[in-house]
Amino acid sequence: MADPYPLYQQISKMGEKIYYYQAPTGFPDRAQYWVNTGALLNRMNFGLAIASGRIPGIAVDLDALNGYHEPESTVAALNTYSRLMMPGRNLEKTTERLTPMINDPSLAQKVSRRVAQQEGKVDDPPLVKNMLAQVVGIIIGSPEYQRR
C-alpha cells in the first residue's frame, strides 16, 4: 500500500481512529459499543467501498479469493464468500439475515446516500456495479462479520 491515509480515513469514519483508544487493549469488541445506526451504516459503506475498489491504494481480487470460480447466483456468492470470510461459523442465520440485502439492487446507493447525509454531503454516491463486490461488501459491513 503506497499511501495508507485513505484507509486510515475510512477507519476513522467508523469511529475507531488508530491509537485513539486510551486502554492498551484497544477498542472493545462488545456489540453495545459499536452497534448503532451510524456505526453500522459507516461499516456497511466501508465494506462496499473496499470490496468495490473505491478506497485509493487498496485492491481486492474477489475472484482470486474464490479460486476464480464464479458463483451461480447472489445467494450462492453469499454462501461461498461467507464461508471463506467467516470460517468455522454457523452461517444459517447470517445467510437468512443478509439474503434480503443482497437482493436489493439499490442497497449500495441507499447506504452511501445515508452516510453522505450524515456527513452533510449532497453528492450522489458512486454505485457498486459488480454483484460480487456488493455481496462481499454486505458481508464485511454486517454485524455478523464483526462478531467473533
N, C-alpha and C. Protein backbone atom coordinates (compact mmCIF):
# COMPACT_ATOMS: atom_id res chain seq x y z
N MET A 1 0.86 -1.16 0.00
CA MET A 1 0.00 0.00 0.00
C MET A 1 0.91 1.23 0.00
N ALA A 2 0.84 1.99 -1.06
CA ALA A 2 1.69 3.16 -1.21
C ALA A 2 1.28 4.28 -0.27
N ASP A 3 -0.01 4.48 -0.08
CA ASP A 3 -0.50 5.57 0.77
C ASP A 3 -1.58 5.03 1.71
N PRO A 4 -1.24 4.83 2.98
CA PRO A 4 -2.22 4.27 3.91
C PRO A 4 -3.27 5.28 4.39
N TYR A 5 -3.11 6.55 4.05
CA TYR A 5 -4.02 7.58 4.58
C TYR A 5 -5.50 7.36 4.21
N PRO A 6 -5.85 6.97 2.97
CA PRO A 6 -7.27 6.73 2.67
C PRO A 6 -7.88 5.63 3.55
N LEU A 7 -7.12 4.58 3.84
CA LEU A 7 -7.63 3.54 4.73
C LEU A 7 -7.78 4.07 6.15
N TYR A 8 -6.82 4.85 6.60
CA TYR A 8 -6.90 5.49 7.92
C TYR A 8 -8.17 6.35 8.02
N GLN A 9 -8.47 7.10 6.96
CA GLN A 9 -9.67 7.94 6.96
C GLN A 9 -10.93 7.09 7.08
N GLN A 10 -10.99 5.98 6.36
CA GLN A 10 -12.16 5.10 6.43
C GLN A 10 -12.33 4.52 7.83
N ILE A 11 -11.25 4.08 8.42
CA ILE A 11 -11.32 3.51 9.77
C ILE A 11 -11.73 4.59 10.78
N SER A 12 -11.25 5.80 10.60
CA SER A 12 -11.64 6.91 11.48
C SER A 12 -13.12 7.22 11.37
N LYS A 13 -13.67 7.16 10.14
CA LYS A 13 -15.10 7.41 9.94
C LYS A 13 -15.95 6.40 10.70
N MET A 14 -15.41 5.21 10.88
CA MET A 14 -16.15 4.17 11.60
C MET A 14 -16.01 4.34 13.12
N GLY A 15 -15.32 5.37 13.55
CA GLY A 15 -15.22 5.66 14.97
C GLY A 15 -14.10 4.92 15.69
N GLU A 16 -13.14 4.41 14.94
CA GLU A 16 -12.04 3.68 15.58
C GLU A 16 -10.70 4.23 15.10
N LYS A 17 -10.46 5.50 15.40
CA LYS A 17 -9.20 6.11 15.00
C LYS A 17 -8.04 5.32 15.58
N ILE A 18 -7.06 5.08 14.74
CA ILE A 18 -5.90 4.31 15.16
C ILE A 18 -5.17 5.05 16.27
N TYR A 19 -4.87 4.33 17.34
CA TYR A 19 -4.15 4.82 18.52
C TYR A 19 -4.94 5.85 19.34
N TYR A 20 -6.23 5.95 19.15
CA TYR A 20 -7.02 6.93 19.89
C TYR A 20 -7.72 6.34 21.11
N TYR A 21 -7.79 5.04 21.25
CA TYR A 21 -8.46 4.46 22.41
C TYR A 21 -7.46 4.40 23.56
N GLN A 22 -7.85 4.89 24.72
CA GLN A 22 -6.93 5.04 25.83
C GLN A 22 -6.45 3.72 26.42
N ALA A 23 -7.33 2.75 26.52
CA ALA A 23 -6.93 1.47 27.13
C ALA A 23 -5.95 0.75 26.21
N PRO A 24 -4.94 0.10 26.79
CA PRO A 24 -3.95 -0.60 25.96
C PRO A 24 -4.52 -1.81 25.22
N THR A 25 -5.72 -2.24 25.58
CA THR A 25 -6.33 -3.40 24.93
C THR A 25 -7.03 -3.03 23.63
N GLY A 26 -7.15 -1.75 23.33
CA GLY A 26 -7.81 -1.33 22.09
C GLY A 26 -9.31 -1.17 22.26
N PHE A 27 -9.98 -0.90 21.16
CA PHE A 27 -11.42 -0.69 21.18
C PHE A 27 -12.13 -1.97 21.63
N PRO A 28 -13.20 -1.83 22.41
CA PRO A 28 -13.95 -3.02 22.85
C PRO A 28 -14.55 -3.78 21.67
N ASP A 29 -14.71 -5.09 21.84
CA ASP A 29 -15.33 -5.88 20.79
C ASP A 29 -16.75 -6.29 21.18
N ARG A 30 -17.31 -5.64 22.18
CA ARG A 30 -18.68 -5.91 22.59
C ARG A 30 -19.65 -5.14 21.69
N ALA A 31 -20.74 -5.78 21.35
CA ALA A 31 -21.70 -5.22 20.40
C ALA A 31 -22.24 -3.87 20.84
N GLN A 32 -22.52 -3.69 22.13
CA GLN A 32 -23.13 -2.43 22.55
C GLN A 32 -22.22 -1.22 22.28
N TYR A 33 -20.93 -1.46 22.09
CA TYR A 33 -20.01 -0.36 21.81
C TYR A 33 -20.16 0.16 20.38
N TRP A 34 -20.38 -0.76 19.42
CA TRP A 34 -20.38 -0.34 18.03
C TRP A 34 -21.67 -0.59 17.27
N VAL A 35 -22.67 -1.23 17.89
CA VAL A 35 -23.91 -1.48 17.16
C VAL A 35 -24.88 -0.34 17.41
N ASN A 36 -24.88 0.60 16.49
CA ASN A 36 -25.85 1.69 16.45
C ASN A 36 -26.00 2.06 14.98
N THR A 37 -27.01 2.81 14.68
CA THR A 37 -27.33 3.09 13.28
C THR A 37 -26.16 3.73 12.54
N GLY A 38 -25.56 4.76 13.11
CA GLY A 38 -24.46 5.45 12.43
C GLY A 38 -23.26 4.54 12.20
N ALA A 39 -22.89 3.79 13.22
CA ALA A 39 -21.73 2.90 13.09
C ALA A 39 -21.99 1.80 12.06
N LEU A 40 -23.19 1.24 12.08
CA LEU A 40 -23.50 0.18 11.12
C LEU A 40 -23.51 0.71 9.69
N LEU A 41 -24.05 1.91 9.50
CA LEU A 41 -24.04 2.50 8.15
C LEU A 41 -22.62 2.73 7.67
N ASN A 42 -21.77 3.26 8.55
CA ASN A 42 -20.38 3.51 8.17
C ASN A 42 -19.65 2.21 7.87
N ARG A 43 -19.91 1.16 8.65
CA ARG A 43 -19.28 -0.14 8.39
C ARG A 43 -19.77 -0.73 7.07
N MET A 44 -21.05 -0.60 6.81
CA MET A 44 -21.59 -1.12 5.55
C MET A 44 -20.97 -0.35 4.38
N ASN A 45 -20.88 0.95 4.49
CA ASN A 45 -20.29 1.76 3.43
C ASN A 45 -18.81 1.39 3.24
N PHE A 46 -18.09 1.15 4.35
CA PHE A 46 -16.70 0.72 4.27
C PHE A 46 -16.59 -0.61 3.54
N GLY A 47 -17.44 -1.56 3.92
CA GLY A 47 -17.42 -2.87 3.27
C GLY A 47 -17.66 -2.77 1.78
N LEU A 48 -18.66 -1.97 1.40
CA LEU A 48 -18.97 -1.78 -0.02
C LEU A 48 -17.83 -1.06 -0.74
N ALA A 49 -17.20 -0.08 -0.07
CA ALA A 49 -16.11 0.68 -0.69
C ALA A 49 -14.87 -0.19 -0.90
N ILE A 50 -14.51 -0.98 0.11
CA ILE A 50 -13.30 -1.79 -0.02
C ILE A 50 -13.51 -2.92 -1.03
N ALA A 51 -14.68 -3.53 -1.01
CA ALA A 51 -14.94 -4.64 -1.93
C ALA A 51 -15.05 -4.19 -3.38
N SER A 52 -15.47 -2.94 -3.60
CA SER A 52 -15.63 -2.45 -4.97
C SER A 52 -14.44 -1.62 -5.45
N GLY A 53 -13.37 -1.57 -4.65
CA GLY A 53 -12.16 -0.88 -5.07
C GLY A 53 -12.24 0.63 -5.06
N ARG A 54 -13.09 1.18 -4.19
CA ARG A 54 -13.25 2.64 -4.13
C ARG A 54 -12.36 3.30 -3.08
N ILE A 55 -11.49 2.55 -2.42
CA ILE A 55 -10.55 3.15 -1.48
C ILE A 55 -9.20 3.20 -2.19
N PRO A 56 -8.70 4.40 -2.46
CA PRO A 56 -7.44 4.52 -3.20
C PRO A 56 -6.31 3.72 -2.53
N GLY A 57 -5.56 3.01 -3.36
CA GLY A 57 -4.42 2.26 -2.86
C GLY A 57 -4.75 0.87 -2.35
N ILE A 58 -6.03 0.50 -2.31
CA ILE A 58 -6.44 -0.82 -1.84
C ILE A 58 -7.05 -1.58 -3.02
N ALA A 59 -6.51 -2.74 -3.30
CA ALA A 59 -7.05 -3.58 -4.36
C ALA A 59 -7.37 -4.94 -3.78
N VAL A 60 -8.59 -5.41 -4.02
CA VAL A 60 -9.03 -6.71 -3.54
C VAL A 60 -9.44 -7.53 -4.75
N ASP A 61 -8.84 -8.71 -4.89
CA ASP A 61 -9.18 -9.59 -6.00
C ASP A 61 -10.19 -10.62 -5.49
N LEU A 62 -11.46 -10.29 -5.59
CA LEU A 62 -12.52 -11.16 -5.07
C LEU A 62 -12.59 -12.48 -5.83
N ASP A 63 -12.28 -12.46 -7.11
CA ASP A 63 -12.29 -13.70 -7.88
C ASP A 63 -11.22 -14.67 -7.38
N ALA A 64 -10.04 -14.15 -7.08
CA ALA A 64 -8.95 -15.00 -6.59
C ALA A 64 -9.29 -15.61 -5.24
N LEU A 65 -10.01 -14.87 -4.42
CA LEU A 65 -10.40 -15.37 -3.09
C LEU A 65 -11.19 -16.67 -3.20
N ASN A 66 -11.93 -16.80 -4.28
CA ASN A 66 -12.76 -17.99 -4.50
C ASN A 66 -12.15 -18.90 -5.58
N GLY A 67 -10.86 -18.79 -5.82
CA GLY A 67 -10.21 -19.64 -6.80
C GLY A 67 -10.73 -19.45 -8.21
N TYR A 68 -11.19 -18.26 -8.54
CA TYR A 68 -11.70 -17.90 -9.86
C TYR A 68 -12.91 -18.74 -10.29
N HIS A 69 -13.70 -19.18 -9.31
CA HIS A 69 -14.96 -19.88 -9.61
C HIS A 69 -16.09 -18.88 -9.46
N GLU A 70 -16.78 -18.61 -10.53
CA GLU A 70 -17.87 -17.64 -10.49
C GLU A 70 -19.11 -18.26 -9.87
N PRO A 71 -19.64 -17.65 -8.79
CA PRO A 71 -20.87 -18.18 -8.19
C PRO A 71 -22.04 -18.09 -9.16
N GLU A 72 -22.97 -19.02 -9.03
CA GLU A 72 -24.10 -19.09 -9.95
C GLU A 72 -25.16 -18.02 -9.69
N SER A 73 -25.22 -17.51 -8.46
CA SER A 73 -26.24 -16.52 -8.11
C SER A 73 -25.73 -15.68 -6.95
N THR A 74 -26.51 -14.64 -6.61
CA THR A 74 -26.13 -13.83 -5.46
C THR A 74 -26.17 -14.63 -4.17
N VAL A 75 -27.14 -15.51 -4.04
CA VAL A 75 -27.24 -16.35 -2.83
C VAL A 75 -26.06 -17.32 -2.76
N ALA A 76 -25.68 -17.89 -3.90
CA ALA A 76 -24.50 -18.77 -3.93
C ALA A 76 -23.24 -17.99 -3.56
N ALA A 77 -23.13 -16.75 -4.05
CA ALA A 77 -21.99 -15.90 -3.70
C ALA A 77 -22.00 -15.60 -2.20
N LEU A 78 -23.16 -15.31 -1.66
CA LEU A 78 -23.26 -15.04 -0.22
C LEU A 78 -22.80 -16.25 0.59
N ASN A 79 -23.27 -17.42 0.22
CA ASN A 79 -22.87 -18.64 0.94
C ASN A 79 -21.37 -18.90 0.81
N THR A 80 -20.85 -18.79 -0.40
CA THR A 80 -19.44 -19.08 -0.66
C THR A 80 -18.53 -18.10 0.07
N TYR A 81 -18.77 -16.82 -0.10
CA TYR A 81 -17.89 -15.81 0.49
C TYR A 81 -18.07 -15.71 2.01
N SER A 82 -19.25 -16.01 2.51
CA SER A 82 -19.43 -16.06 3.97
C SER A 82 -18.56 -17.17 4.56
N ARG A 83 -18.56 -18.33 3.90
CA ARG A 83 -17.71 -19.45 4.38
C ARG A 83 -16.23 -19.08 4.30
N LEU A 84 -15.83 -18.41 3.22
CA LEU A 84 -14.44 -18.03 3.07
C LEU A 84 -14.01 -16.97 4.09
N MET A 85 -14.89 -16.03 4.38
CA MET A 85 -14.53 -14.90 5.24
C MET A 85 -14.85 -15.13 6.71
N MET A 86 -15.70 -16.10 6.99
CA MET A 86 -16.07 -16.39 8.38
C MET A 86 -16.00 -17.90 8.60
N PRO A 87 -14.82 -18.49 8.45
CA PRO A 87 -14.70 -19.95 8.54
C PRO A 87 -15.07 -20.47 9.93
N GLY A 88 -15.65 -21.64 9.94
CA GLY A 88 -15.96 -22.29 11.21
C GLY A 88 -17.21 -21.78 11.91
N ARG A 89 -17.92 -20.87 11.31
CA ARG A 89 -19.14 -20.34 11.93
C ARG A 89 -20.37 -21.04 11.35
N ASN A 90 -21.42 -21.06 12.16
CA ASN A 90 -22.72 -21.50 11.68
C ASN A 90 -23.30 -20.32 10.90
N LEU A 91 -23.45 -20.47 9.61
CA LEU A 91 -23.83 -19.35 8.75
C LEU A 91 -25.31 -19.33 8.37
N GLU A 92 -26.09 -20.21 8.95
CA GLU A 92 -27.51 -20.28 8.60
C GLU A 92 -28.22 -18.96 8.90
N LYS A 93 -28.05 -18.42 10.09
CA LYS A 93 -28.70 -17.15 10.47
C LYS A 93 -28.12 -15.99 9.66
N THR A 94 -26.82 -16.01 9.42
CA THR A 94 -26.18 -14.95 8.64
C THR A 94 -26.79 -14.90 7.25
N THR A 95 -26.89 -16.04 6.60
CA THR A 95 -27.47 -16.10 5.26
C THR A 95 -28.92 -15.63 5.27
N GLU A 96 -29.64 -16.03 6.28
CA GLU A 96 -31.05 -15.62 6.40
C GLU A 96 -31.18 -14.11 6.54
N ARG A 97 -30.30 -13.50 7.34
CA ARG A 97 -30.36 -12.04 7.56
C ARG A 97 -29.88 -11.24 6.37
N LEU A 98 -28.87 -11.74 5.67
CA LEU A 98 -28.26 -10.95 4.60
C LEU A 98 -28.87 -11.16 3.22
N THR A 99 -29.61 -12.25 3.01
CA THR A 99 -30.19 -12.52 1.70
C THR A 99 -31.08 -11.38 1.20
N PRO A 100 -31.98 -10.81 2.03
CA PRO A 100 -32.79 -9.69 1.51
C PRO A 100 -31.93 -8.49 1.09
N MET A 101 -30.81 -8.28 1.78
CA MET A 101 -29.95 -7.15 1.44
C MET A 101 -29.25 -7.36 0.10
N ILE A 102 -28.77 -8.56 -0.15
CA ILE A 102 -28.03 -8.79 -1.41
C ILE A 102 -28.97 -8.76 -2.60
N ASN A 103 -30.24 -8.96 -2.38
CA ASN A 103 -31.21 -8.94 -3.48
C ASN A 103 -31.77 -7.55 -3.74
N ASP A 104 -31.34 -6.55 -2.96
CA ASP A 104 -31.77 -5.18 -3.16
C ASP A 104 -30.78 -4.49 -4.10
N PRO A 105 -31.14 -4.27 -5.37
CA PRO A 105 -30.19 -3.72 -6.33
C PRO A 105 -29.72 -2.30 -6.00
N SER A 106 -30.46 -1.60 -5.18
CA SER A 106 -30.07 -0.22 -4.87
C SER A 106 -29.51 -0.07 -3.45
N LEU A 107 -29.19 -1.19 -2.78
CA LEU A 107 -28.70 -1.11 -1.41
C LEU A 107 -27.45 -0.26 -1.28
N ALA A 108 -26.47 -0.49 -2.13
CA ALA A 108 -25.21 0.25 -2.02
C ALA A 108 -25.46 1.75 -2.14
N GLN A 109 -26.31 2.14 -3.05
CA GLN A 109 -26.61 3.56 -3.22
C GLN A 109 -27.35 4.09 -1.99
N LYS A 110 -28.28 3.33 -1.44
CA LYS A 110 -29.01 3.76 -0.25
C LYS A 110 -28.07 3.96 0.93
N VAL A 111 -27.17 3.01 1.15
CA VAL A 111 -26.23 3.11 2.27
C VAL A 111 -25.32 4.31 2.07
N SER A 112 -24.74 4.45 0.88
CA SER A 112 -23.84 5.56 0.61
C SER A 112 -24.54 6.91 0.75
N ARG A 113 -25.77 6.98 0.27
CA ARG A 113 -26.52 8.23 0.36
C ARG A 113 -26.80 8.60 1.82
N ARG A 114 -27.14 7.60 2.64
CA ARG A 114 -27.43 7.84 4.06
C ARG A 114 -26.18 8.30 4.80
N VAL A 115 -25.04 7.68 4.51
CA VAL A 115 -23.78 8.09 5.13
C VAL A 115 -23.44 9.52 4.70
N ALA A 116 -23.63 9.82 3.41
CA ALA A 116 -23.35 11.17 2.92
C ALA A 116 -24.25 12.20 3.61
N GLN A 117 -25.52 11.85 3.85
CA GLN A 117 -26.43 12.76 4.56
C GLN A 117 -25.93 13.00 5.97
N GLN A 118 -25.47 11.96 6.64
CA GLN A 118 -24.95 12.11 8.00
C GLN A 118 -23.73 13.02 8.02
N GLU A 119 -22.94 12.97 6.95
CA GLU A 119 -21.73 13.78 6.88
C GLU A 119 -22.00 15.16 6.29
N GLY A 120 -23.24 15.45 5.95
CA GLY A 120 -23.60 16.75 5.40
C GLY A 120 -23.23 16.93 3.94
N LYS A 121 -23.01 15.84 3.22
CA LYS A 121 -22.66 15.92 1.81
C LYS A 121 -23.92 15.74 0.98
N VAL A 122 -23.93 16.34 -0.20
CA VAL A 122 -25.10 16.23 -1.07
C VAL A 122 -24.78 15.53 -2.38
N ASP A 123 -23.52 15.14 -2.59
CA ASP A 123 -23.14 14.47 -3.82
C ASP A 123 -23.83 13.12 -3.93
N ASP A 124 -24.12 12.72 -5.17
CA ASP A 124 -24.68 11.41 -5.41
C ASP A 124 -23.55 10.38 -5.28
N PRO A 125 -23.69 9.37 -4.43
CA PRO A 125 -22.61 8.42 -4.21
C PRO A 125 -22.38 7.50 -5.40
N PRO A 126 -21.14 7.00 -5.53
CA PRO A 126 -20.88 6.06 -6.62
C PRO A 126 -21.61 4.74 -6.39
N LEU A 127 -21.98 4.09 -7.46
CA LEU A 127 -22.69 2.82 -7.36
C LEU A 127 -21.70 1.67 -7.30
N VAL A 128 -22.12 0.59 -6.64
CA VAL A 128 -21.37 -0.66 -6.71
C VAL A 128 -21.94 -1.41 -7.89
N LYS A 129 -21.15 -1.51 -8.95
CA LYS A 129 -21.66 -2.10 -10.20
C LYS A 129 -21.49 -3.61 -10.24
N ASN A 130 -20.59 -4.15 -9.48
CA ASN A 130 -20.29 -5.57 -9.51
C ASN A 130 -21.08 -6.30 -8.44
N MET A 131 -21.84 -7.33 -8.83
CA MET A 131 -22.65 -8.10 -7.88
C MET A 131 -21.78 -8.69 -6.79
N LEU A 132 -20.63 -9.22 -7.14
CA LEU A 132 -19.76 -9.85 -6.17
C LEU A 132 -19.25 -8.83 -5.15
N ALA A 133 -18.91 -7.64 -5.60
CA ALA A 133 -18.47 -6.58 -4.69
C ALA A 133 -19.59 -6.21 -3.72
N GLN A 134 -20.82 -6.17 -4.21
CA GLN A 134 -21.94 -5.85 -3.32
C GLN A 134 -22.12 -6.95 -2.26
N VAL A 135 -22.04 -8.20 -2.67
CA VAL A 135 -22.20 -9.31 -1.74
C VAL A 135 -21.10 -9.27 -0.68
N VAL A 136 -19.85 -9.16 -1.11
CA VAL A 136 -18.73 -9.14 -0.16
C VAL A 136 -18.79 -7.89 0.72
N GLY A 137 -19.16 -6.77 0.14
CA GLY A 137 -19.31 -5.54 0.93
C GLY A 137 -20.37 -5.67 2.01
N ILE A 138 -21.46 -6.33 1.69
CA ILE A 138 -22.53 -6.56 2.67
C ILE A 138 -22.03 -7.48 3.78
N ILE A 139 -21.27 -8.50 3.42
CA ILE A 139 -20.72 -9.39 4.43
C ILE A 139 -19.79 -8.62 5.37
N ILE A 140 -18.87 -7.85 4.81
CA ILE A 140 -17.91 -7.09 5.62
C ILE A 140 -18.63 -6.08 6.51
N GLY A 141 -19.66 -5.45 6.00
CA GLY A 141 -20.37 -4.43 6.76
C GLY A 141 -21.37 -4.96 7.76
N SER A 142 -21.63 -6.24 7.72
CA SER A 142 -22.68 -6.80 8.59
C SER A 142 -22.20 -7.02 10.02
N PRO A 143 -23.12 -6.92 10.98
CA PRO A 143 -22.75 -7.24 12.37
C PRO A 143 -22.25 -8.67 12.51
N GLU A 144 -22.74 -9.57 11.67
CA GLU A 144 -22.31 -10.96 11.74
C GLU A 144 -20.82 -11.09 11.49
N TYR A 145 -20.30 -10.29 10.57
CA TYR A 145 -18.87 -10.32 10.25
C TYR A 145 -18.06 -9.77 11.43
N GLN A 146 -18.61 -8.81 12.12
CA GLN A 146 -17.89 -8.17 13.22
C GLN A 146 -17.77 -9.09 14.44
N ARG A 147 -18.69 -10.01 14.57
CA ARG A 147 -18.66 -10.91 15.72
C ARG A 147 -17.56 -11.94 15.54
N ARG A 148 -17.05 -12.41 16.66
CA ARG A 148 -16.01 -13.44 16.60
C ARG A 148 -16.61 -14.78 16.45
